[in-house]
C-alpha atoms as a PDB file:
ATOM      1  CA  MET A   1      27.588 -75.180 -73.668  1.00  0.00           C
ATOM      2  CA  SER A   2      24.672 -76.706 -75.259  1.00  0.00           C
ATOM      3  CA  VAL A   3      21.476 -74.368 -76.714  1.00  0.00           C
ATOM      4  CA  ASN A   4      19.110 -75.622 -74.331  1.00  0.00           C
ATOM      5  CA  SER A   5      21.356 -74.625 -71.470  1.00  0.00           C
ATOM      6  CA  GLN A   6      21.859 -70.983 -72.988  1.00  0.00           C
ATOM      7  CA  VAL A   7      17.736 -70.759 -73.429  1.00  0.00           C
ATOM      8  CA  ILE A   8      16.969 -72.091 -69.881  1.00  0.00           C
ATOM      9  CA  LEU A   9      20.098 -69.426 -68.603  1.00  0.00           C
ATOM     10  CA  VAL A  10      18.445 -66.681 -70.735  1.00  0.00           C
ATOM     11  CA  ALA A  11      15.141 -67.572 -69.426  1.00  0.00           C
ATOM     12  CA  LEU A  12      16.212 -67.631 -65.564  1.00  0.00           C
ATOM     13  CA  VAL A  13      17.844 -64.092 -66.018  1.00  0.00           C
ATOM     14  CA  ILE A  14      14.513 -62.666 -67.417  1.00  0.00           C
ATOM     15  CA  SER A  15      12.267 -64.141 -65.156  1.00  0.00           C
ATOM     16  CA  SER A  16      14.987 -62.984 -62.069  1.00  0.00           C
ATOM     17  CA  ILE A  17      14.613 -59.375 -63.615  1.00  0.00           C
ATOM     18  CA  ILE A  18      10.847 -59.488 -63.288  1.00  0.00           C
ATOM     19  CA  ALA A  19      10.497 -60.775 -60.443  1.00  0.00           C
ATOM     20  CA  LEU A  20      13.225 -58.048 -58.957  1.00  0.00           C
ATOM     21  CA  THR A  21      11.543 -55.457 -60.418  1.00  0.00           C
ATOM     22  CA  LEU A  22       7.763 -56.713 -58.898  1.00  0.00           C
ATOM     23  CA  ALA A  23       9.538 -56.746 -55.448  1.00  0.00           C
ATOM     24  CA  THR A  24      11.193 -53.731 -55.261  1.00  0.00           C
ATOM     25  CA  THR A  25       7.968 -51.403 -56.648  1.00  0.00           C
ATOM     26  CA  ARG A  26       5.657 -53.382 -54.031  1.00  0.00           C
ATOM     27  CA  LEU A  27       8.588 -52.862 -51.053  1.00  0.00           C
ATOM     28  CA  ALA A  28       8.977 -49.127 -51.936  1.00  0.00           C
ATOM     29  CA  PRO A  29       6.931 -46.879 -49.957  1.00  0.00           C
ATOM     30  CA  ARG A  30       4.210 -45.079 -51.944  1.00  0.00           C
ATOM     31  CA  THR A  31       4.507 -41.373 -52.067  1.00  0.00           C
ATOM     32  CA  GLY A  32       1.704 -40.086 -49.837  1.00  0.00           C
ATOM     33  CA  GLU A  33      -0.161 -37.475 -50.344  1.00  0.00           C
ATOM     34  CA  ALA A  34       0.323 -34.409 -47.620  1.00  0.00           C
ATOM     35  CA  SER A  35      -2.428 -33.298 -45.521  1.00  0.00           C
ATOM     36  CA  PHE A  36      -2.969 -29.702 -44.435  1.00  0.00           C
ATOM     37  CA  ARG A  37      -1.698 -30.565 -40.737  1.00  0.00           C
ATOM     38  CA  ASP A  38       1.492 -31.915 -42.405  1.00  0.00           C
ATOM     39  CA  ILE A  39       2.182 -28.495 -44.131  1.00  0.00           C
ATOM     40  CA  ILE A  40       1.741 -26.749 -40.687  1.00  0.00           C
ATOM     41  CA  GLU A  41       4.056 -28.938 -38.569  1.00  0.00           C
ATOM     42  CA  LEU A  42       6.242 -28.211 -41.932  1.00  0.00           C
ATOM     43  CA  ARG A  43       6.132 -24.710 -41.461  1.00  0.00           C
ATOM     44  CA  GLU A  44       6.766 -25.109 -37.416  1.00  0.00           C
ATOM     45  CA  ARG A  45      10.057 -27.384 -38.133  1.00  0.00           C
ATOM     46  CA  LEU A  46      11.226 -24.749 -40.498  1.00  0.00           C
ATOM     47  CA  CYS A  47      10.655 -21.969 -37.927  1.00  0.00           C
ATOM     48  CA  SER A  48      13.232 -24.166 -35.447  1.00  0.00           C
ATOM     49  CA  ASP A  49      14.904 -26.790 -37.388  1.00  0.00           C
ATOM     50  CA  ARG A  50      17.616 -26.814 -39.767  1.00  0.00           C
ATOM     51  CA  SER A  51      17.004 -30.100 -42.100  1.00  0.00           C
ATOM     52  CA  VAL A  52      13.410 -31.377 -42.398  1.00  0.00           C
ATOM     53  CA  PHE A  53      12.707 -34.881 -44.256  1.00  0.00           C
ATOM     54  CA  ILE A  54       9.145 -35.638 -45.301  1.00  0.00           C
ATOM     55  CA  ASN A  55       6.937 -38.031 -46.138  1.00  0.00           C
ATOM     56  CA  PHE A  56       5.386 -36.288 -49.176  1.00  0.00           C
ATOM     57  CA  GLU A  57       6.538 -34.641 -51.994  1.00  0.00           C
ATOM     58  CA  VAL A  58       6.789 -30.790 -52.185  1.00  0.00           C
ATOM     59  CA  PHE A  59       7.519 -28.451 -55.044  1.00  0.00           C
ATOM     60  CA  VAL A  60       9.969 -25.517 -54.407  1.00  0.00           C
ATOM     61  CA  ALA A  61       9.603 -22.172 -56.392  1.00  0.00           C
ATOM     62  CA  ARG A  62      10.783 -18.395 -55.917  1.00  0.00           C
ATOM     63  CA  LYS A  63      10.079 -15.464 -57.580  1.00  0.00           C
ATOM     64  CA  ASP A  64      13.117 -12.233 -57.653  1.00  0.00           C
ATOM     65  CA  HIS A  65      12.147  -9.147 -56.004  1.00  0.00           C
ATOM     66  CA  LEU A  66      13.987  -5.627 -55.850  1.00  0.00           C
ATOM     67  CA  LEU A  67      14.493  -4.331 -52.311  1.00  0.00           C
ATOM     68  CA  GLU A  68      16.416  -1.017 -52.041  1.00  0.00           C
ATOM     69  CA  ILE A  69      17.609   1.092 -49.483  1.00  0.00           C
ATOM     70  CA  CYS A  70      17.433   5.256 -50.203  1.00  0.00           C
ATOM     71  CA  VAL A  71      18.844   7.713 -48.700  1.00  0.00           C
ATOM     72  CA  GLU A  72      19.390  11.520 -49.916  1.00  0.00           C
ATOM     73  CA  SER A  73      22.272  10.598 -52.159  1.00  0.00           C
ATOM     74  CA  GLY A  74      20.847   7.684 -53.689  1.00  0.00           C
ATOM     75  CA  CYS A  75      19.601   3.860 -53.711  1.00  0.00           C
ATOM     76  CA  ARG A  76      21.363   0.751 -52.767  1.00  0.00           C
ATOM     77  CA  ARG A  77      19.692  -2.074 -54.794  1.00  0.00           C
ATOM     78  CA  ILE A  78      19.757  -5.471 -53.521  1.00  0.00           C
ATOM     79  CA  THR A  79      17.441  -8.629 -55.654  1.00  0.00           C
ATOM     80  CA  VAL A  80      15.957 -10.733 -52.970  1.00  0.00           C
ATOM     81  CA  THR A  81      13.803 -13.634 -53.237  1.00  0.00           C
ATOM     82  CA  GLU A  82      10.338 -15.128 -52.197  1.00  0.00           C
ATOM     83  CA  THR A  83      10.207 -18.479 -51.930  1.00  0.00           C
ATOM     84  CA  TRP A  84       7.329 -20.703 -52.429  1.00  0.00           C
ATOM     85  CA  VAL A  85       6.724 -24.680 -50.780  1.00  0.00           C
ATOM     86  CA  ILE A  86       3.809 -26.329 -52.247  1.00  0.00           C
ATOM     87  CA  ALA A  87       1.862 -29.391 -51.859  1.00  0.00           C
ATOM     88  CA  PRO A  88      -1.186 -31.174 -53.361  1.00  0.00           C
ATOM     89  CA  VAL A  89      -3.425 -31.870 -50.020  1.00  0.00           C
ATOM     90  CA  SER A  90      -6.824 -33.749 -50.137  1.00  0.00           C
ATOM     91  CA  SER A  91      -8.716 -30.413 -47.883  1.00  0.00           C
ATOM     92  CA  SER A  92      -7.568 -27.275 -46.396  1.00  0.00           C
ATOM     93  CA  PRO A  93      -8.964 -24.185 -45.722  1.00  0.00           C
ATOM     94  CA  ILE A  94      -8.492 -21.094 -47.694  1.00  0.00           C
ATOM     95  CA  ILE A  95      -5.885 -18.695 -46.471  1.00  0.00           C
ATOM     96  CA  LYS A  96      -4.820 -16.474 -49.178  1.00  0.00           C
ATOM     97  CA  PRO A  97      -1.362 -15.559 -49.368  1.00  0.00           C
ATOM     98  CA  GLU A  98      -0.201 -11.953 -48.182  1.00  0.00           C
ATOM     99  CA  ASP A  99       1.718  -9.906 -50.506  1.00  0.00           C
ATOM    100  CA  PHE A 100       5.460 -10.384 -50.242  1.00  0.00           C
ATOM    101  CA  ALA A 101       5.847  -6.716 -48.972  1.00  0.00           C
ATOM    102  CA  LYS A 102       3.511  -7.277 -46.120  1.00  0.00           C
ATOM    103  CA  ARG A 103       3.956 -11.061 -44.815  1.00  0.00           C
ATOM    104  CA  GLY A 104       6.291  -9.642 -41.887  1.00  0.00           C
ATOM    105  CA  GLU A 105       7.091 -13.359 -41.130  1.00  0.00           C
ATOM    106  CA  LEU A 106      10.244 -15.790 -42.955  1.00  0.00           C
ATOM    107  CA  PHE A 107       7.384 -18.640 -43.258  1.00  0.00           C
ATOM    108  CA  ALA A 108       3.620 -17.974 -43.596  1.00  0.00           C
ATOM    109  CA  LEU A 109       1.292 -20.214 -44.646  1.00  0.00           C
ATOM    110  CA  HIS A 110      -1.352 -20.496 -47.605  1.00  0.00           C
ATOM    111  CA  SER A 111      -3.611 -22.887 -49.238  1.00  0.00           C
ATOM    112  CA  ASN A 112      -6.375 -23.004 -51.770  1.00  0.00           C
ATOM    113  CA  GLY A 113      -8.315 -26.062 -50.885  1.00  0.00           C
ATOM    114  CA  THR A 114      -6.358 -28.270 -52.986  1.00  0.00           C
ATOM    115  CA  HIS A 115      -2.672 -27.054 -52.358  1.00  0.00           C
ATOM    116  CA  ALA A 116      -0.963 -25.938 -49.610  1.00  0.00           C
ATOM    117  CA  GLY A 117       2.112 -24.378 -48.758  1.00  0.00           C
ATOM    118  CA  ILE A 118       4.496 -22.138 -47.373  1.00  0.00           C
ATOM    119  CA  SER A 119       5.717 -18.895 -48.785  1.00  0.00           C
ATOM    120  CA  THR A 120       8.075 -16.634 -47.736  1.00  0.00           C
ATOM    121  CA  GLY A 121       8.450 -13.050 -46.506  1.00  0.00           C
ATOM    122  CA  ILE A 122      10.924 -10.556 -45.533  1.00  0.00           C
ATOM    123  CA  GLN A 123      11.609  -9.928 -41.426  1.00  0.00           C
ATOM    124  CA  PHE A 124      12.412  -7.127 -39.962  1.00  0.00           C
ATOM    125  CA  GLU A 125      14.412  -7.346 -36.707  1.00  0.00           C
ATOM    126  CA  PHE A 126      14.773  -4.018 -34.650  1.00  0.00           C
ATOM    127  CA  THR A 127      18.011  -4.244 -32.376  1.00  0.00           C
ATOM    128  CA  LYS A 128      20.383  -2.241 -30.254  1.00  0.00           C
ATOM    129  CA  GLU A 129      22.895  -2.253 -33.145  1.00  0.00           C
ATOM    130  CA  GLY A 130      20.470  -1.614 -35.929  1.00  0.00           C
ATOM    131  CA  VAL A 131      17.994  -3.325 -38.136  1.00  0.00           C
ATOM    132  CA  ILE A 132      17.949  -6.897 -39.609  1.00  0.00           C
ATOM    133  CA  VAL A 133      15.996  -7.628 -42.631  1.00  0.00           C
ATOM    134  CA  THR A 134      16.123 -11.471 -43.514  1.00  0.00           C
ATOM    135  CA  TYR A 135      14.853 -12.974 -46.607  1.00  0.00           C
ATOM    136  CA  VAL A 136      14.889 -16.921 -47.788  1.00  0.00           C
ATOM    137  CA  GLU A 137      16.143 -17.850 -51.166  1.00  0.00           C
ATOM    138  CA  ALA A 138      15.830 -21.188 -52.352  1.00  0.00           C
ATOM    139  CA  LYS A 139      19.244 -22.545 -53.931  1.00  0.00           C
ATOM    140  CA  ARG A 140      17.163 -24.634 -56.283  1.00  0.00           C
ATOM    141  CA  ILE A 141      13.562 -25.053 -57.681  1.00  0.00           C
ATOM    142  CA  GLY A 142      11.681 -28.329 -58.261  1.00  0.00           C
ATOM    143  CA  LYS A 143      10.282 -31.094 -56.584  1.00  0.00           C
ATOM    144  CA  THR A 144      12.058 -32.470 -53.117  1.00  0.00           C
ATOM    145  CA  ARG A 145      11.235 -34.486 -49.920  1.00  0.00           C
ATOM    146  CA  LYS A 146      14.283 -32.830 -48.003  1.00  0.00           C
ATOM    147  CA  LEU A 147      14.537 -29.118 -47.304  1.00  0.00           C
ATOM    148  CA  VAL A 148      17.583 -28.197 -45.590  1.00  0.00           C
ATOM    149  CA  LEU A 149      17.818 -24.096 -43.835  1.00  0.00           C
ATOM    150  CA  SER A 150      20.888 -22.362 -43.238  1.00  0.00           C
ATOM    151  CA  LYS A 151      20.327 -20.087 -40.920  1.00  0.00           C
ATOM    152  CA  GLU A 152      23.538 -19.137 -40.452  1.00  0.00           C
ATOM    153  CA  VAL A 153      25.042 -16.234 -41.892  1.00  0.00           C
ATOM    154  CA  VAL A 154      25.141 -17.272 -45.566  1.00  0.00           C
ATOM    155  CA  ASP A 155      25.300 -13.550 -47.357  1.00  0.00           C
ATOM    156  CA  GLU A 156      24.969 -10.419 -45.283  1.00  0.00           C
ATOM    157  CA  LEU A 157      25.316  -6.848 -46.200  1.00  0.00           C
ATOM    158  CA  ALA A 158      25.811  -3.863 -43.837  1.00  0.00           C
ATOM    159  CA  ILE A 159      25.279  -0.071 -44.527  1.00  0.00           C
ATOM    160  CA  TYR A 160      25.515   2.798 -42.467  1.00  0.00           C
ATOM    161  CA  VAL A 161      22.379   5.142 -43.294  1.00  0.00           C
ATOM    162  CA  GLU A 162      21.073   8.447 -42.050  1.00  0.00           C
ATOM    163  CA  ASN A 163      17.170   8.701 -42.545  1.00  0.00           C
ATOM    164  CA  ALA A 164      16.558   5.890 -44.714  1.00  0.00           C
ATOM    165  CA  SER A 165      13.814   4.587 -46.890  1.00  0.00           C
ATOM    166  CA  ILE A 166      13.213   0.819 -47.270  1.00  0.00           C
ATOM    167  CA  LEU A 167      11.480   0.164 -50.814  1.00  0.00           C
ATOM    168  CA  LEU A 168      10.017  -3.313 -51.698  1.00  0.00           C
ATOM    169  CA  ASP A 169       9.298  -3.301 -56.225  1.00  0.00           C
ATOM    170  CA  GLY A 170       9.597   0.717 -55.757  1.00  0.00           C
ATOM    171  CA  LYS A 171       6.782   0.513 -52.647  1.00  0.00           C
ATOM    172  CA  GLU A 172       7.927   2.118 -49.007  1.00  0.00           C
ATOM    173  CA  ILE A 173       8.259  -0.616 -46.555  1.00  0.00           C
ATOM    174  CA  ALA A 174       9.833   0.910 -43.602  1.00  0.00           C
ATOM    175  CA  VAL A 175      11.296   4.065 -42.936  1.00  0.00           C
ATOM    176  CA  ILE A 176      14.547   4.595 -40.709  1.00  0.00           C
ATOM    177  CA  ASN A 177      14.899   7.629 -38.674  1.00  0.00           C
ATOM    178  CA  GLY A 178      18.434   8.892 -37.668  1.00  0.00           C
ATOM    179  CA  PHE A 179      21.592   7.396 -37.974  1.00  0.00           C
ATOM    180  CA  ASN A 180      21.407   3.592 -38.110  1.00  0.00           C
ATOM    181  CA  LYS A 181      23.000   0.472 -39.371  1.00  0.00           C
ATOM    182  CA  ILE A 182      21.200  -2.040 -41.456  1.00  0.00           C
ATOM    183  CA  LYS A 183      21.755  -5.553 -42.257  1.00  0.00           C
ATOM    184  CA  VAL A 184      20.594  -7.426 -44.915  1.00  0.00           C
ATOM    185  CA  ARG A 185      20.512 -10.987 -44.231  1.00  0.00           C
ATOM    186  CA  LYS A 186      20.141 -14.086 -46.680  1.00  0.00           C
ATOM    187  CA  VAL A 187      18.776 -17.354 -45.027  1.00  0.00           C
ATOM    188  CA  VAL A 188      19.471 -20.378 -47.850  1.00  0.00           C
ATOM    189  CA  LEU A 189      16.680 -23.135 -48.156  1.00  0.00           C
ATOM    190  CA  GLU A 190      18.225 -26.177 -49.992  1.00  0.00           C
ATOM    191  CA  LEU A 191      16.557 -29.186 -51.746  1.00  0.00           C
END
């Protein structure tokens, strides 16, 4: 193979790489910015679906809290998490996040005008069988375009109590009178 042939071959390879790079960046979908309506729809889908694919990027963060179930003889301590799903938006109303202990729903909206998102809370269900305390834990944190919610019982703890107080970070959030069964249920959010 002559030197001229090698030069032409290298030039063809380089020009092909440049052309391919330009074509793929132009064909790839651009990351769209989320609208406040997108965040509302994301919340609704998390409440009802298991997997959510979105056409915008969100950031997932979490914070640990201490849940205590206390009876006369002592307290059972469980680490629970608060999960945040946040995205920049062009505009949104100001919705201040409720304190984690007072949220009362698994998925609550919040926004500050430039960012909007969903923050999780602790949900109490009072049934014939007892009290179910549910919270959401993000398996990982970081940026994503896909959220998978495992609504099946991933981790459940059952405690039988008589006259108990439930504390979150040292503050009383519920009182259980009489004999009852308390189930603490973790729902996992995967990226």
